[in-house]
Each structure stands twice: as structure tokens, then as C-alpha cells.
Amino acid sequence: MGDVVIHSSEDLITRMQASVVGKRVGRYKWSPTTPKTLEGSAGFTVSVVAFARALRICGLVEEFSVSLQ
């Protein structure tokens, strides 16, 4: 249950962060048919990494690694 709460909180926070970044500094849209911007997507990515790192520092999740093979 704790994992679900953490994941839901992370999802909510990162999406809000992407929205704020996209609306304030977003200039380049992915396509003419979507309101999503490259800047908002970058904000989302940075937010996910920062939130995951914060959870790790607080000891709420185990250490993880990303392996691109």
C-alpha cells in the first residue's frame, strides 16, 4: 500500500511540475495538435529524477540503478 501512495504522490507532483514549466516557459510544442511542450516534458523528467532521489535520500525506497543495454 505504501508503494501505491508514494507512486501516486510522485505522479501528481511531477505532472504538476511539468504543467507549471510548460505554461511558464514552454515555447516549442511537440505538434500543432497538442498543448504539450518540450520544456514541459523536460520539466517532468527533471522532476521525476529529483523526486526519486529525494525518496532515496529519505530512506523511503531502496537504492536503484538504471542500466541501458
N, C-alpha and C. Protein backbone atom coordinates (compact mmCIF):
# COMPACT_ATOMS: atom_id res chain seq x y z
N MET A 1 0.82 -1.20 0.00
CA MET A 1 0.00 0.00 0.00
C MET A 1 0.86 1.26 0.00
N GLY A 2 1.97 1.25 0.75
CA GLY A 2 2.85 2.40 0.80
C GLY A 2 3.44 2.74 -0.56
N ASP A 3 3.76 1.70 -1.35
CA ASP A 3 4.31 1.93 -2.69
C ASP A 3 3.31 2.65 -3.58
N VAL A 4 2.04 2.30 -3.43
CA VAL A 4 1.00 2.94 -4.24
C VAL A 4 0.86 4.41 -3.88
N VAL A 5 0.91 4.72 -2.60
CA VAL A 5 0.80 6.11 -2.15
C VAL A 5 1.99 6.92 -2.65
N ILE A 6 3.20 6.36 -2.52
CA ILE A 6 4.39 7.06 -2.99
C ILE A 6 4.33 7.27 -4.49
N HIS A 7 3.95 6.25 -5.24
CA HIS A 7 3.86 6.37 -6.69
C HIS A 7 2.81 7.40 -7.09
N SER A 8 1.66 7.38 -6.44
CA SER A 8 0.60 8.34 -6.76
C SER A 8 1.04 9.77 -6.44
N SER A 9 1.71 9.95 -5.32
CA SER A 9 2.21 11.28 -4.94
C SER A 9 3.25 11.76 -5.94
N GLU A 10 4.15 10.88 -6.32
CA GLU A 10 5.19 11.24 -7.29
C GLU A 10 4.56 11.62 -8.62
N ASP A 11 3.60 10.84 -9.06
CA ASP A 11 2.94 11.12 -10.34
C ASP A 11 2.25 12.48 -10.31
N LEU A 12 1.54 12.76 -9.24
CA LEU A 12 0.84 14.04 -9.12
C LEU A 12 1.81 15.21 -9.10
N ILE A 13 2.85 15.11 -8.30
CA ILE A 13 3.81 16.21 -8.18
C ILE A 13 4.55 16.43 -9.49
N THR A 14 4.99 15.37 -10.14
CA THR A 14 5.75 15.53 -11.37
C THR A 14 4.89 16.07 -12.51
N ARG A 15 3.64 15.66 -12.57
CA ARG A 15 2.76 16.19 -13.61
C ARG A 15 2.46 17.68 -13.38
N MET A 16 2.28 18.06 -12.13
CA MET A 16 2.04 19.47 -11.82
C MET A 16 3.28 20.29 -12.18
N GLN A 17 4.46 19.76 -11.87
CA GLN A 17 5.70 20.46 -12.18
C GLN A 17 5.84 20.63 -13.70
N ALA A 18 5.54 19.60 -14.45
CA ALA A 18 5.61 19.69 -15.91
C ALA A 18 4.64 20.73 -16.44
N SER A 19 3.47 20.79 -15.86
CA SER A 19 2.46 21.77 -16.28
C SER A 19 2.93 23.19 -16.01
N VAL A 20 3.49 23.42 -14.83
CA VAL A 20 3.98 24.76 -14.48
C VAL A 20 5.11 25.18 -15.43
N VAL A 21 6.06 24.29 -15.63
CA VAL A 21 7.19 24.60 -16.52
C VAL A 21 6.69 24.85 -17.94
N GLY A 22 5.82 23.98 -18.42
CA GLY A 22 5.31 24.12 -19.78
C GLY A 22 4.54 25.41 -20.00
N LYS A 23 3.76 25.80 -19.02
CA LYS A 23 2.95 27.02 -19.16
C LYS A 23 3.78 28.29 -19.01
N ARG A 24 4.80 28.25 -18.17
CA ARG A 24 5.60 29.46 -17.94
C ARG A 24 6.68 29.69 -18.99
N VAL A 25 7.36 28.63 -19.38
CA VAL A 25 8.48 28.81 -20.31
C VAL A 25 8.35 28.01 -21.60
N GLY A 26 7.26 27.28 -21.73
CA GLY A 26 7.08 26.44 -22.92
C GLY A 26 6.91 27.24 -24.19
N ARG A 27 7.77 26.99 -25.15
CA ARG A 27 7.69 27.67 -26.45
C ARG A 27 7.53 26.69 -27.60
N TYR A 28 8.15 25.54 -27.47
CA TYR A 28 8.18 24.59 -28.57
C TYR A 28 7.23 23.43 -28.32
N LYS A 29 6.16 23.37 -29.10
CA LYS A 29 5.17 22.31 -28.94
C LYS A 29 5.64 21.05 -29.66
N TRP A 30 5.21 19.91 -29.12
CA TRP A 30 5.53 18.63 -29.76
C TRP A 30 4.91 18.56 -31.14
N SER A 31 3.68 19.05 -31.25
CA SER A 31 3.00 19.10 -32.55
C SER A 31 1.93 20.18 -32.47
N PRO A 32 1.42 20.60 -33.61
CA PRO A 32 0.40 21.65 -33.60
C PRO A 32 -0.91 21.23 -32.93
N THR A 33 -1.12 19.93 -32.77
CA THR A 33 -2.39 19.44 -32.24
C THR A 33 -2.37 19.19 -30.74
N THR A 34 -1.24 19.41 -30.07
CA THR A 34 -1.16 19.15 -28.64
C THR A 34 -0.66 20.38 -27.89
N PRO A 35 -1.14 20.60 -26.68
CA PRO A 35 -0.65 21.73 -25.89
C PRO A 35 0.67 21.41 -25.18
N LYS A 36 1.14 20.18 -25.27
CA LYS A 36 2.36 19.78 -24.56
C LYS A 36 3.60 20.37 -25.24
N THR A 37 4.54 20.81 -24.39
CA THR A 37 5.75 21.44 -24.91
C THR A 37 6.99 20.62 -24.54
N LEU A 38 8.05 20.86 -25.29
CA LEU A 38 9.33 20.20 -25.00
C LEU A 38 9.83 20.62 -23.62
N GLU A 39 9.65 21.88 -23.28
CA GLU A 39 10.09 22.38 -21.98
C GLU A 39 9.32 21.73 -20.83
N GLY A 40 8.02 21.52 -21.03
CA GLY A 40 7.22 20.83 -20.02
C GLY A 40 7.66 19.39 -19.84
N SER A 41 7.98 18.73 -20.95
CA SER A 41 8.47 17.35 -20.88
C SER A 41 9.81 17.28 -20.17
N ALA A 42 10.68 18.25 -20.43
CA ALA A 42 11.97 18.30 -19.74
C ALA A 42 11.75 18.55 -18.24
N GLY A 43 10.81 19.43 -17.92
CA GLY A 43 10.48 19.69 -16.52
C GLY A 43 9.97 18.44 -15.82
N PHE A 44 9.17 17.66 -16.52
CA PHE A 44 8.66 16.40 -15.98
C PHE A 44 9.81 15.43 -15.68
N THR A 45 10.73 15.31 -16.63
CA THR A 45 11.85 14.39 -16.47
C THR A 45 12.73 14.79 -15.28
N VAL A 46 13.05 16.05 -15.20
CA VAL A 46 13.88 16.54 -14.08
C VAL A 46 13.15 16.33 -12.76
N SER A 47 11.85 16.57 -12.75
CA SER A 47 11.06 16.40 -11.53
C SER A 47 11.03 14.94 -11.07
N VAL A 48 10.88 14.01 -12.01
CA VAL A 48 10.86 12.58 -11.66
C VAL A 48 12.19 12.17 -11.05
N VAL A 49 13.28 12.58 -11.67
CA VAL A 49 14.60 12.22 -11.16
C VAL A 49 14.83 12.82 -9.78
N ALA A 50 14.47 14.09 -9.61
CA ALA A 50 14.66 14.76 -8.31
C ALA A 50 13.80 14.11 -7.23
N PHE A 51 12.55 13.79 -7.55
CA PHE A 51 11.66 13.18 -6.56
C PHE A 51 12.16 11.79 -6.17
N ALA A 52 12.60 11.01 -7.17
CA ALA A 52 13.13 9.67 -6.88
C ALA A 52 14.37 9.76 -6.01
N ARG A 53 15.22 10.73 -6.28
CA ARG A 53 16.43 10.91 -5.49
C ARG A 53 16.07 11.33 -4.06
N ALA A 54 15.10 12.22 -3.91
CA ALA A 54 14.67 12.66 -2.58
C ALA A 54 14.11 11.48 -1.77
N LEU A 55 13.33 10.63 -2.43
CA LEU A 55 12.80 9.44 -1.73
C LEU A 55 13.94 8.53 -1.27
N ARG A 56 14.96 8.41 -2.11
CA ARG A 56 16.11 7.58 -1.76
C ARG A 56 16.87 8.18 -0.58
N ILE A 57 17.10 9.48 -0.62
CA ILE A 57 17.82 10.15 0.46
C ILE A 57 17.08 10.03 1.78
N CYS A 58 15.75 10.10 1.73
CA CYS A 58 14.93 9.98 2.95
C CYS A 58 14.79 8.54 3.42
N GLY A 59 15.29 7.59 2.64
CA GLY A 59 15.22 6.18 3.02
C GLY A 59 13.87 5.54 2.80
N LEU A 60 13.04 6.15 1.96
CA LEU A 60 11.71 5.61 1.71
C LEU A 60 11.68 4.56 0.60
N VAL A 61 12.74 4.51 -0.19
CA VAL A 61 12.86 3.48 -1.24
C VAL A 61 14.28 2.94 -1.23
N GLU A 62 14.42 1.74 -1.76
CA GLU A 62 15.75 1.14 -1.84
C GLU A 62 16.53 1.75 -2.98
N GLU A 63 17.84 1.59 -2.93
CA GLU A 63 18.70 2.11 -3.99
C GLU A 63 18.34 1.43 -5.31
N PHE A 64 18.44 2.17 -6.38
CA PHE A 64 18.13 1.65 -7.69
C PHE A 64 19.17 2.12 -8.68
N SER A 65 19.24 1.43 -9.79
CA SER A 65 20.15 1.86 -10.85
C SER A 65 19.45 1.70 -12.18
N VAL A 66 19.91 2.46 -13.13
CA VAL A 66 19.35 2.38 -14.47
C VAL A 66 20.42 1.82 -15.38
N SER A 67 20.11 0.74 -16.04
CA SER A 67 21.07 0.11 -16.93
C SER A 67 20.50 0.12 -18.34
N LEU A 68 21.18 0.79 -19.22
CA LEU A 68 20.75 0.85 -20.62
C LEU A 68 21.60 -0.12 -21.42
N GLN A 69 20.99 -1.23 -21.79
CA GLN A 69 21.74 -2.24 -22.54
C GLN A 69 21.11 -2.49 -23.88
